[in-house]
Amino acid sequence: MKNLHFFYVILLVAIVSCTAKSGIKTNELINCELYQGKWYEVARLPNSFEEGLICITMTYTYKDDGIMTVTSSAKNKSNPNDIKSFTAKAWIPDEKEPQKIKLQFIWPVTFDYTVIHIDEAKGYAIIGSPYKHQLWILSRQPVINENDMSELRSISEKNQYNTDTLVYVDQICD
């Protein structure tokens, strides 16, 4: 179950990047095909399902039917040869609210998440749970510079997420 939740989060990254141009204020959808490829989980609020994992990435593909296929990968910190991997699907259930995402790893169970912010130019995204207890900061690169991370934390806080306990993911893995 722990690993299952980890992969829900990773799938979010894929959906996040194809929902809105900047933040969650617009209802305009963009071409998700432009966001295919690899994302890195740079920081998150603590959770039990990602505890002890490093090198957390996801690779996603947009399909013509509006479904995203996402393959998530992470390494066990105590045994880097132990690679966790999972494939799932995600979608936007209501085009009028493109910031709201449904994730599914096992039918019929789905999970709800919200796209808090997207910065297409810098390649950053923030995803959170509706209840404010889960938050992920994602990037196209393994690290985010200090100024940008400060801005992303501020955006998260303005959206009522407590960033005091952010966990930074070790991405020095290659």
N, C-alpha and C. Protein backbone atom coordinates (compact mmCIF):
# COMPACT_ATOMS: atom_id res chain seq x y z
N MET A 1 0.83 -1.20 0.00
CA MET A 1 0.00 0.00 0.00
C MET A 1 0.87 1.25 0.00
N LYS A 2 2.00 1.19 0.73
CA LYS A 2 2.92 2.32 0.81
C LYS A 2 3.41 2.72 -0.58
N ASN A 3 3.83 1.75 -1.36
CA ASN A 3 4.32 2.03 -2.71
C ASN A 3 3.21 2.50 -3.63
N LEU A 4 2.01 2.02 -3.41
CA LEU A 4 0.88 2.41 -4.24
C LEU A 4 0.64 3.92 -4.12
N HIS A 5 0.67 4.44 -2.91
CA HIS A 5 0.47 5.88 -2.72
C HIS A 5 1.59 6.68 -3.38
N PHE A 6 2.80 6.19 -3.30
CA PHE A 6 3.93 6.87 -3.94
C PHE A 6 3.64 7.09 -5.41
N PHE A 7 3.12 6.12 -6.06
CA PHE A 7 2.89 6.22 -7.48
C PHE A 7 1.71 7.09 -7.83
N TYR A 8 0.77 7.27 -6.92
CA TYR A 8 -0.30 8.22 -7.15
C TYR A 8 0.27 9.62 -7.30
N VAL A 9 1.20 9.92 -6.45
CA VAL A 9 1.83 11.23 -6.47
C VAL A 9 2.56 11.46 -7.78
N ILE A 10 3.28 10.49 -8.20
CA ILE A 10 4.06 10.62 -9.42
C ILE A 10 3.15 10.86 -10.62
N LEU A 11 2.05 10.19 -10.64
CA LEU A 11 1.11 10.36 -11.73
C LEU A 11 0.60 11.78 -11.79
N LEU A 12 0.48 12.39 -10.66
CA LEU A 12 0.01 13.77 -10.61
C LEU A 12 0.87 14.69 -11.47
N VAL A 13 2.13 14.47 -11.43
CA VAL A 13 3.03 15.32 -12.19
C VAL A 13 2.64 15.36 -13.65
N ALA A 14 2.32 14.24 -14.17
CA ALA A 14 1.95 14.17 -15.57
C ALA A 14 0.73 15.01 -15.86
N ILE A 15 -0.26 14.89 -15.05
CA ILE A 15 -1.50 15.61 -15.29
C ILE A 15 -1.32 17.10 -15.04
N VAL A 16 -0.56 17.42 -14.04
CA VAL A 16 -0.37 18.82 -13.69
C VAL A 16 0.13 19.63 -14.86
N SER A 17 1.06 19.09 -15.58
CA SER A 17 1.68 19.88 -16.62
C SER A 17 0.79 20.09 -17.83
N CYS A 18 -0.36 19.49 -17.87
CA CYS A 18 -1.20 19.69 -19.05
C CYS A 18 -2.56 20.26 -18.69
N THR A 19 -2.68 20.90 -17.54
CA THR A 19 -3.99 21.39 -17.15
C THR A 19 -4.15 22.89 -17.34
N ALA A 20 -3.18 23.68 -16.96
CA ALA A 20 -3.36 25.12 -17.02
C ALA A 20 -2.04 25.80 -17.34
N LYS A 21 -2.11 26.96 -17.94
CA LYS A 21 -0.88 27.65 -18.34
C LYS A 21 -0.12 28.22 -17.15
N SER A 22 -0.78 28.82 -16.20
CA SER A 22 -0.08 29.44 -15.08
C SER A 22 -0.98 29.44 -13.86
N GLY A 23 -0.69 28.56 -12.93
CA GLY A 23 -1.52 28.49 -11.75
C GLY A 23 -2.82 27.79 -12.04
N ILE A 24 -3.83 28.02 -11.21
CA ILE A 24 -5.09 27.31 -11.36
C ILE A 24 -6.23 28.26 -11.70
N LYS A 25 -5.94 29.46 -12.11
CA LYS A 25 -6.98 30.45 -12.36
C LYS A 25 -7.60 30.36 -13.74
N THR A 26 -6.94 29.70 -14.66
CA THR A 26 -7.46 29.63 -16.01
C THR A 26 -8.14 28.30 -16.27
N ASN A 27 -9.15 28.30 -17.11
CA ASN A 27 -9.80 27.07 -17.52
C ASN A 27 -9.30 26.61 -18.88
N GLU A 28 -8.36 27.34 -19.44
CA GLU A 28 -7.86 27.02 -20.77
C GLU A 28 -6.95 25.80 -20.71
N LEU A 29 -7.25 24.79 -21.49
CA LEU A 29 -6.40 23.61 -21.58
C LEU A 29 -5.34 23.84 -22.65
N ILE A 30 -4.20 23.23 -22.46
CA ILE A 30 -3.13 23.35 -23.44
C ILE A 30 -2.78 21.96 -23.97
N ASN A 31 -1.92 21.92 -24.94
CA ASN A 31 -1.53 20.68 -25.58
C ASN A 31 -0.65 19.86 -24.64
N CYS A 32 -1.21 18.80 -24.09
CA CYS A 32 -0.49 17.96 -23.15
C CYS A 32 0.69 17.24 -23.79
N GLU A 33 0.64 17.05 -25.08
CA GLU A 33 1.73 16.35 -25.75
C GLU A 33 3.05 17.09 -25.60
N LEU A 34 3.00 18.40 -25.37
CA LEU A 34 4.22 19.18 -25.17
C LEU A 34 4.91 18.83 -23.85
N TYR A 35 4.20 18.19 -22.95
CA TYR A 35 4.73 17.92 -21.61
C TYR A 35 5.11 16.47 -21.39
N GLN A 36 5.15 15.71 -22.45
CA GLN A 36 5.58 14.32 -22.30
C GLN A 36 7.04 14.31 -21.89
N GLY A 37 7.40 13.28 -21.18
CA GLY A 37 8.79 13.15 -20.78
C GLY A 37 8.95 13.02 -19.28
N LYS A 38 10.14 13.37 -18.82
CA LYS A 38 10.55 13.10 -17.44
C LYS A 38 10.38 14.33 -16.53
N TRP A 39 9.91 14.08 -15.31
CA TRP A 39 9.80 15.07 -14.25
C TRP A 39 10.48 14.52 -13.00
N TYR A 40 10.97 15.45 -12.16
CA TYR A 40 11.61 15.08 -10.90
C TYR A 40 10.79 15.61 -9.73
N GLU A 41 10.64 14.79 -8.71
CA GLU A 41 10.04 15.26 -7.46
C GLU A 41 11.16 15.90 -6.65
N VAL A 42 11.09 17.21 -6.47
CA VAL A 42 12.14 17.93 -5.78
C VAL A 42 11.86 18.05 -4.29
N ALA A 43 10.60 18.30 -3.92
CA ALA A 43 10.24 18.43 -2.51
C ALA A 43 8.79 18.00 -2.31
N ARG A 44 8.46 17.66 -1.06
CA ARG A 44 7.09 17.23 -0.73
C ARG A 44 6.86 17.40 0.76
N LEU A 45 5.60 17.39 1.14
CA LEU A 45 5.27 17.27 2.55
C LEU A 45 5.51 15.81 2.93
N PRO A 46 5.91 15.57 4.18
CA PRO A 46 6.20 14.18 4.59
C PRO A 46 4.99 13.27 4.40
N ASN A 47 5.28 12.05 3.97
CA ASN A 47 4.25 11.02 3.87
C ASN A 47 4.91 9.66 4.04
N SER A 48 4.17 8.71 4.51
CA SER A 48 4.73 7.39 4.79
C SER A 48 5.03 6.59 3.52
N PHE A 49 4.31 6.85 2.44
CA PHE A 49 4.48 6.03 1.25
C PHE A 49 5.71 6.37 0.42
N GLU A 50 6.36 7.50 0.70
CA GLU A 50 7.59 7.82 -0.02
C GLU A 50 8.81 7.83 0.91
N GLU A 51 8.59 7.48 2.14
CA GLU A 51 9.67 7.46 3.12
C GLU A 51 10.76 6.48 2.68
N GLY A 52 12.00 6.93 2.72
CA GLY A 52 13.11 6.08 2.35
C GLY A 52 13.37 5.97 0.86
N LEU A 53 12.66 6.75 0.04
CA LEU A 53 12.86 6.69 -1.40
C LEU A 53 13.66 7.90 -1.90
N ILE A 54 14.50 7.67 -2.88
CA ILE A 54 15.30 8.72 -3.51
C ILE A 54 15.12 8.61 -5.03
N CYS A 55 15.64 9.59 -5.74
CA CYS A 55 15.64 9.55 -7.21
C CYS A 55 14.23 9.35 -7.77
N ILE A 56 13.28 10.07 -7.22
CA ILE A 56 11.88 9.91 -7.62
C ILE A 56 11.63 10.68 -8.92
N THR A 57 11.24 9.96 -9.95
CA THR A 57 10.95 10.57 -11.24
C THR A 57 9.68 9.96 -11.81
N MET A 58 9.18 10.59 -12.85
CA MET A 58 8.04 10.04 -13.58
C MET A 58 8.18 10.40 -15.04
N THR A 59 7.75 9.49 -15.87
CA THR A 59 7.74 9.72 -17.30
C THR A 59 6.30 9.52 -17.76
N TYR A 60 5.78 10.47 -18.53
CA TYR A 60 4.38 10.33 -18.91
C TYR A 60 4.14 10.56 -20.38
N THR A 61 3.02 10.00 -20.80
CA THR A 61 2.61 10.07 -22.20
C THR A 61 1.13 10.43 -22.25
N TYR A 62 0.82 11.39 -23.09
CA TYR A 62 -0.56 11.81 -23.29
C TYR A 62 -1.14 11.01 -24.44
N LYS A 63 -2.33 10.47 -24.23
CA LYS A 63 -3.00 9.72 -25.28
C LYS A 63 -4.16 10.54 -25.83
N ASP A 64 -4.53 10.29 -27.06
CA ASP A 64 -5.59 11.06 -27.74
C ASP A 64 -6.93 11.02 -27.02
N ASP A 65 -7.16 10.00 -26.20
CA ASP A 65 -8.43 9.90 -25.49
C ASP A 65 -8.50 10.76 -24.23
N GLY A 66 -7.44 11.56 -23.97
CA GLY A 66 -7.43 12.45 -22.81
C GLY A 66 -6.87 11.82 -21.55
N ILE A 67 -6.43 10.60 -21.64
CA ILE A 67 -5.86 9.89 -20.49
C ILE A 67 -4.33 10.01 -20.55
N MET A 68 -3.73 10.22 -19.39
CA MET A 68 -2.28 10.24 -19.28
C MET A 68 -1.83 8.88 -18.76
N THR A 69 -0.81 8.32 -19.37
CA THR A 69 -0.17 7.12 -18.84
C THR A 69 1.14 7.58 -18.22
N VAL A 70 1.34 7.19 -16.96
CA VAL A 70 2.52 7.65 -16.24
C VAL A 70 3.25 6.46 -15.65
N THR A 71 4.54 6.44 -15.89
CA THR A 71 5.39 5.43 -15.27
C THR A 71 6.28 6.13 -14.26
N SER A 72 6.15 5.72 -13.01
CA SER A 72 6.89 6.32 -11.91
C SER A 72 8.04 5.41 -11.50
N SER A 73 9.10 6.03 -11.02
CA SER A 73 10.26 5.25 -10.61
C SER A 73 10.93 5.92 -9.42
N ALA A 74 11.46 5.11 -8.51
CA ALA A 74 12.22 5.60 -7.35
C ALA A 74 13.15 4.50 -6.89
N LYS A 75 14.16 4.90 -6.14
CA LYS A 75 15.10 3.94 -5.58
C LYS A 75 14.96 3.92 -4.06
N ASN A 76 15.19 2.77 -3.50
CA ASN A 76 15.22 2.61 -2.06
C ASN A 76 16.56 3.18 -1.56
N LYS A 77 16.51 4.14 -0.65
CA LYS A 77 17.74 4.80 -0.18
C LYS A 77 18.72 3.80 0.44
N SER A 78 18.22 2.83 1.17
CA SER A 78 19.11 1.86 1.82
C SER A 78 19.61 0.78 0.87
N ASN A 79 18.97 0.64 -0.29
CA ASN A 79 19.40 -0.34 -1.28
C ASN A 79 19.08 0.22 -2.67
N PRO A 80 19.99 1.05 -3.24
CA PRO A 80 19.72 1.69 -4.54
C PRO A 80 19.44 0.72 -5.69
N ASN A 81 19.77 -0.55 -5.52
CA ASN A 81 19.44 -1.54 -6.55
C ASN A 81 17.97 -1.94 -6.50
N ASP A 82 17.29 -1.60 -5.40
CA ASP A 82 15.87 -1.88 -5.24
C ASP A 82 15.08 -0.72 -5.85
N ILE A 83 14.65 -0.89 -7.09
CA ILE A 83 13.94 0.16 -7.83
C ILE A 83 12.44 -0.12 -7.77
N LYS A 84 11.69 0.91 -7.35
CA LYS A 84 10.23 0.82 -7.31
C LYS A 84 9.71 1.46 -8.58
N SER A 85 8.79 0.78 -9.25
CA SER A 85 8.25 1.30 -10.50
C SER A 85 6.78 0.93 -10.60
N PHE A 86 5.99 1.84 -11.19
CA PHE A 86 4.56 1.61 -11.31
C PHE A 86 4.01 2.43 -12.46
N THR A 87 2.99 1.90 -13.12
CA THR A 87 2.31 2.64 -14.18
C THR A 87 0.85 2.86 -13.78
N ALA A 88 0.35 4.05 -14.06
CA ALA A 88 -1.02 4.40 -13.69
C ALA A 88 -1.62 5.30 -14.76
N LYS A 89 -2.87 5.71 -14.51
CA LYS A 89 -3.50 6.64 -15.44
C LYS A 89 -4.11 7.80 -14.65
N ALA A 90 -4.27 8.92 -15.33
CA ALA A 90 -4.85 10.12 -14.72
C ALA A 90 -5.64 10.86 -15.78
N TRP A 91 -6.60 11.67 -15.32
CA TRP A 91 -7.43 12.43 -16.24
C TRP A 91 -8.07 13.60 -15.52
N ILE A 92 -8.56 14.52 -16.32
CA ILE A 92 -9.31 15.67 -15.83
C ILE A 92 -10.79 15.31 -15.94
N PRO A 93 -11.50 15.13 -14.82
CA PRO A 93 -12.88 14.68 -14.90
C PRO A 93 -13.86 15.74 -15.41
N ASP A 94 -13.52 17.02 -15.25
CA ASP A 94 -14.42 18.09 -15.66
C ASP A 94 -13.60 19.20 -16.33
N GLU A 95 -13.77 19.38 -17.63
CA GLU A 95 -13.00 20.38 -18.36
C GLU A 95 -13.20 21.79 -17.84
N LYS A 96 -14.29 22.03 -17.11
CA LYS A 96 -14.54 23.35 -16.53
C LYS A 96 -13.65 23.61 -15.32
N GLU A 97 -13.05 22.54 -14.76
CA GLU A 97 -12.13 22.65 -13.63
C GLU A 97 -10.85 21.87 -13.93
N PRO A 98 -10.04 22.36 -14.87
CA PRO A 98 -8.87 21.60 -15.31
C PRO A 98 -7.80 21.43 -14.25
N GLN A 99 -7.91 22.18 -13.15
CA GLN A 99 -6.93 22.03 -12.08
C GLN A 99 -7.20 20.80 -11.21
N LYS A 100 -8.38 20.20 -11.34
CA LYS A 100 -8.73 19.03 -10.54
C LYS A 100 -8.44 17.76 -11.33
N ILE A 101 -7.70 16.85 -10.69
CA ILE A 101 -7.21 15.66 -11.35
C ILE A 101 -7.69 14.41 -10.62
N LYS A 102 -8.02 13.39 -11.38
CA LYS A 102 -8.33 12.06 -10.84
C LYS A 102 -7.17 11.14 -11.20
N LEU A 103 -6.75 10.33 -10.23
CA LEU A 103 -5.69 9.35 -10.45
C LEU A 103 -6.22 7.96 -10.15
N GLN A 104 -5.76 6.99 -10.94
CA GLN A 104 -6.18 5.62 -10.72
C GLN A 104 -5.05 4.65 -10.99
N PHE A 105 -4.72 3.87 -9.95
CA PHE A 105 -3.73 2.82 -10.09
C PHE A 105 -4.39 1.45 -10.12
N ILE A 106 -5.47 1.35 -9.37
CA ILE A 106 -6.22 0.11 -9.31
C ILE A 106 -7.69 0.45 -9.48
N TRP A 107 -8.33 -0.18 -10.45
CA TRP A 107 -9.75 0.06 -10.68
C TRP A 107 -10.53 -0.55 -9.53
N PRO A 108 -11.54 0.08 -9.00
CA PRO A 108 -12.17 1.34 -9.36
C PRO A 108 -11.75 2.51 -8.47
N VAL A 109 -10.69 2.35 -7.69
CA VAL A 109 -10.28 3.36 -6.72
C VAL A 109 -9.62 4.54 -7.42
N THR A 110 -10.09 5.75 -7.11
CA THR A 110 -9.47 6.98 -7.65
C THR A 110 -9.12 7.91 -6.50
N PHE A 111 -8.19 8.82 -6.77
CA PHE A 111 -7.75 9.81 -5.80
C PHE A 111 -7.85 11.19 -6.44
N ASP A 112 -8.22 12.18 -5.63
CA ASP A 112 -8.36 13.56 -6.10
C ASP A 112 -7.14 14.38 -5.72
N TYR A 113 -6.67 15.20 -6.66
CA TYR A 113 -5.58 16.13 -6.42
C TYR A 113 -5.88 17.43 -7.15
N THR A 114 -5.14 18.46 -6.77
CA THR A 114 -5.34 19.78 -7.37
C THR A 114 -4.00 20.33 -7.85
N VAL A 115 -4.01 20.90 -9.04
CA VAL A 115 -2.85 21.60 -9.56
C VAL A 115 -2.85 22.99 -8.91
N ILE A 116 -1.85 23.25 -8.11
CA ILE A 116 -1.76 24.53 -7.40
C ILE A 116 -1.12 25.58 -8.30
N HIS A 117 -0.10 25.18 -9.06
CA HIS A 117 0.67 26.14 -9.85
C HIS A 117 1.45 25.40 -10.93
N ILE A 118 1.58 26.06 -12.08
CA ILE A 118 2.46 25.57 -13.15
C ILE A 118 3.22 26.76 -13.71
N ASP A 119 4.51 26.58 -13.88
CA ASP A 119 5.34 27.58 -14.55
C ASP A 119 5.96 26.88 -15.76
N GLU A 120 5.33 27.09 -16.91
CA GLU A 120 5.80 26.42 -18.13
C GLU A 120 7.22 26.82 -18.50
N ALA A 121 7.54 28.11 -18.36
CA ALA A 121 8.84 28.62 -18.78
C ALA A 121 9.98 27.99 -17.96
N LYS A 122 9.77 27.86 -16.66
CA LYS A 122 10.82 27.31 -15.80
C LYS A 122 10.71 25.81 -15.62
N GLY A 123 9.58 25.24 -15.99
CA GLY A 123 9.40 23.80 -15.87
C GLY A 123 9.11 23.35 -14.45
N TYR A 124 8.27 24.09 -13.71
CA TYR A 124 7.92 23.76 -12.34
C TYR A 124 6.42 23.51 -12.23
N ALA A 125 6.06 22.69 -11.25
CA ALA A 125 4.65 22.46 -10.94
C ALA A 125 4.50 22.20 -9.45
N ILE A 126 3.34 22.57 -8.92
CA ILE A 126 2.99 22.27 -7.53
C ILE A 126 1.65 21.56 -7.55
N ILE A 127 1.59 20.43 -6.86
CA ILE A 127 0.38 19.63 -6.78
C ILE A 127 0.06 19.37 -5.32
N GLY A 128 -1.22 19.41 -4.98
CA GLY A 128 -1.60 19.16 -3.60
C GLY A 128 -2.90 18.41 -3.49
N SER A 129 -3.16 17.94 -2.30
CA SER A 129 -4.42 17.27 -2.02
C SER A 129 -5.45 18.32 -1.61
N PRO A 130 -6.71 18.06 -1.83
CA PRO A 130 -7.75 19.04 -1.46
C PRO A 130 -7.79 19.32 0.04
N TYR A 131 -7.28 18.39 0.85
CA TYR A 131 -7.33 18.56 2.30
C TYR A 131 -6.06 19.18 2.87
N LYS A 132 -5.15 19.60 1.99
CA LYS A 132 -3.93 20.34 2.34
C LYS A 132 -2.89 19.53 3.11
N HIS A 133 -3.01 18.21 3.17
CA HIS A 133 -2.04 17.40 3.90
C HIS A 133 -0.97 16.77 2.99
N GLN A 134 -1.16 16.88 1.69
CA GLN A 134 -0.17 16.37 0.74
C GLN A 134 0.19 17.48 -0.23
N LEU A 135 1.49 17.58 -0.53
CA LEU A 135 1.99 18.61 -1.43
C LEU A 135 3.27 18.11 -2.09
N TRP A 136 3.41 18.37 -3.39
CA TRP A 136 4.61 17.99 -4.13
C TRP A 136 5.06 19.15 -5.00
N ILE A 137 6.36 19.41 -4.99
CA ILE A 137 6.96 20.42 -5.86
C ILE A 137 7.80 19.65 -6.88
N LEU A 138 7.48 19.85 -8.16
CA LEU A 138 8.07 19.08 -9.24
C LEU A 138 8.83 19.98 -10.21
N SER A 139 9.79 19.38 -10.90
CA SER A 139 10.61 20.15 -11.83
C SER A 139 11.05 19.26 -12.99
N ARG A 140 11.34 19.91 -14.10
CA ARG A 140 11.91 19.21 -15.25
C ARG A 140 13.38 18.89 -15.01
N GLN A 141 13.99 19.56 -14.04
CA GLN A 141 15.40 19.35 -13.70
C GLN A 141 15.48 18.74 -12.30
N PRO A 142 16.58 18.05 -11.96
CA PRO A 142 16.69 17.41 -10.65
C PRO A 142 16.72 18.39 -9.46
N VAL A 143 17.09 19.63 -9.70
CA VAL A 143 17.15 20.62 -8.61
C VAL A 143 16.46 21.91 -9.03
N ILE A 144 16.07 22.68 -8.04
CA ILE A 144 15.47 24.00 -8.25
C ILE A 144 16.33 24.99 -7.50
N ASN A 145 16.68 26.11 -8.15
CA ASN A 145 17.54 27.08 -7.48
C ASN A 145 16.82 27.69 -6.28
N GLU A 146 17.59 28.25 -5.38
CA GLU A 146 17.08 28.74 -4.10
C GLU A 146 15.99 29.80 -4.25
N ASN A 147 16.17 30.75 -5.16
CA ASN A 147 15.16 31.80 -5.36
C ASN A 147 13.84 31.23 -5.87
N ASP A 148 13.92 30.34 -6.84
CA ASP A 148 12.70 29.74 -7.37
C ASP A 148 12.01 28.87 -6.32
N MET A 149 12.81 28.13 -5.53
CA MET A 149 12.21 27.30 -4.49
C MET A 149 11.50 28.17 -3.45
N SER A 150 12.09 29.30 -3.13
CA SER A 150 11.45 30.23 -2.19
C SER A 150 10.11 30.71 -2.74
N GLU A 151 10.08 31.01 -4.03
CA GLU A 151 8.83 31.45 -4.67
C GLU A 151 7.78 30.32 -4.66
N LEU A 152 8.22 29.10 -4.94
CA LEU A 152 7.29 27.96 -4.96
C LEU A 152 6.74 27.67 -3.56
N ARG A 153 7.58 27.83 -2.54
CA ARG A 153 7.11 27.67 -1.16
C ARG A 153 6.08 28.74 -0.83
N SER A 154 6.34 29.96 -1.26
CA SER A 154 5.42 31.08 -1.00
C SER A 154 4.07 30.83 -1.68
N ILE A 155 4.09 30.35 -2.90
CA ILE A 155 2.85 30.03 -3.61
C ILE A 155 2.09 28.95 -2.85
N SER A 156 2.80 27.94 -2.37
CA SER A 156 2.16 26.87 -1.60
C SER A 156 1.52 27.41 -0.33
N GLU A 157 2.24 28.27 0.36
CA GLU A 157 1.72 28.85 1.61
C GLU A 157 0.50 29.72 1.35
N LYS A 158 0.51 30.47 0.26
CA LYS A 158 -0.65 31.30 -0.08
C LYS A 158 -1.88 30.45 -0.39
N ASN A 159 -1.65 29.19 -0.75
CA ASN A 159 -2.73 28.25 -1.00
C ASN A 159 -3.02 27.38 0.22
N GLN A 160 -2.57 27.84 1.39
CA GLN A 160 -2.86 27.24 2.69
C GLN A 160 -2.18 25.90 2.95
N TYR A 161 -1.01 25.67 2.34
CA TYR A 161 -0.21 24.49 2.65
C TYR A 161 0.92 24.91 3.57
N ASN A 162 1.18 24.13 4.61
CA ASN A 162 2.25 24.41 5.55
C ASN A 162 3.54 23.80 5.01
N THR A 163 4.50 24.62 4.65
CA THR A 163 5.74 24.12 4.04
C THR A 163 6.89 24.01 5.04
N ASP A 164 6.61 24.18 6.33
CA ASP A 164 7.67 24.12 7.35
C ASP A 164 8.37 22.76 7.39
N THR A 165 7.69 21.71 7.01
CA THR A 165 8.26 20.36 7.11
C THR A 165 8.56 19.73 5.75
N LEU A 166 8.76 20.56 4.73
CA LEU A 166 9.06 20.00 3.40
C LEU A 166 10.25 19.05 3.46
N VAL A 167 10.12 17.95 2.76
CA VAL A 167 11.19 16.97 2.61
C VAL A 167 11.77 17.18 1.22
N TYR A 168 13.09 17.34 1.14
CA TYR A 168 13.76 17.52 -0.16
C TYR A 168 14.28 16.16 -0.63
N VAL A 169 13.96 15.81 -1.86
CA VAL A 169 14.28 14.49 -2.40
C VAL A 169 15.70 14.48 -2.96
N ASP A 170 16.46 13.49 -2.56
CA ASP A 170 17.81 13.30 -3.08
C ASP A 170 17.68 12.85 -4.54
N GLN A 171 18.15 13.70 -5.47
CA GLN A 171 18.06 13.38 -6.90
C GLN A 171 19.45 13.14 -7.51
N ILE A 172 20.46 12.99 -6.69
CA ILE A 172 21.80 12.72 -7.21
C ILE A 172 21.93 11.21 -7.33
N CYS A 173 21.50 10.71 -8.48
CA CYS A 173 21.34 9.26 -8.61
C CYS A 173 21.99 8.66 -9.84
N ASP A 174 22.35 9.45 -10.79
CA ASP A 174 22.88 8.89 -12.04
C ASP A 174 24.37 8.70 -11.99
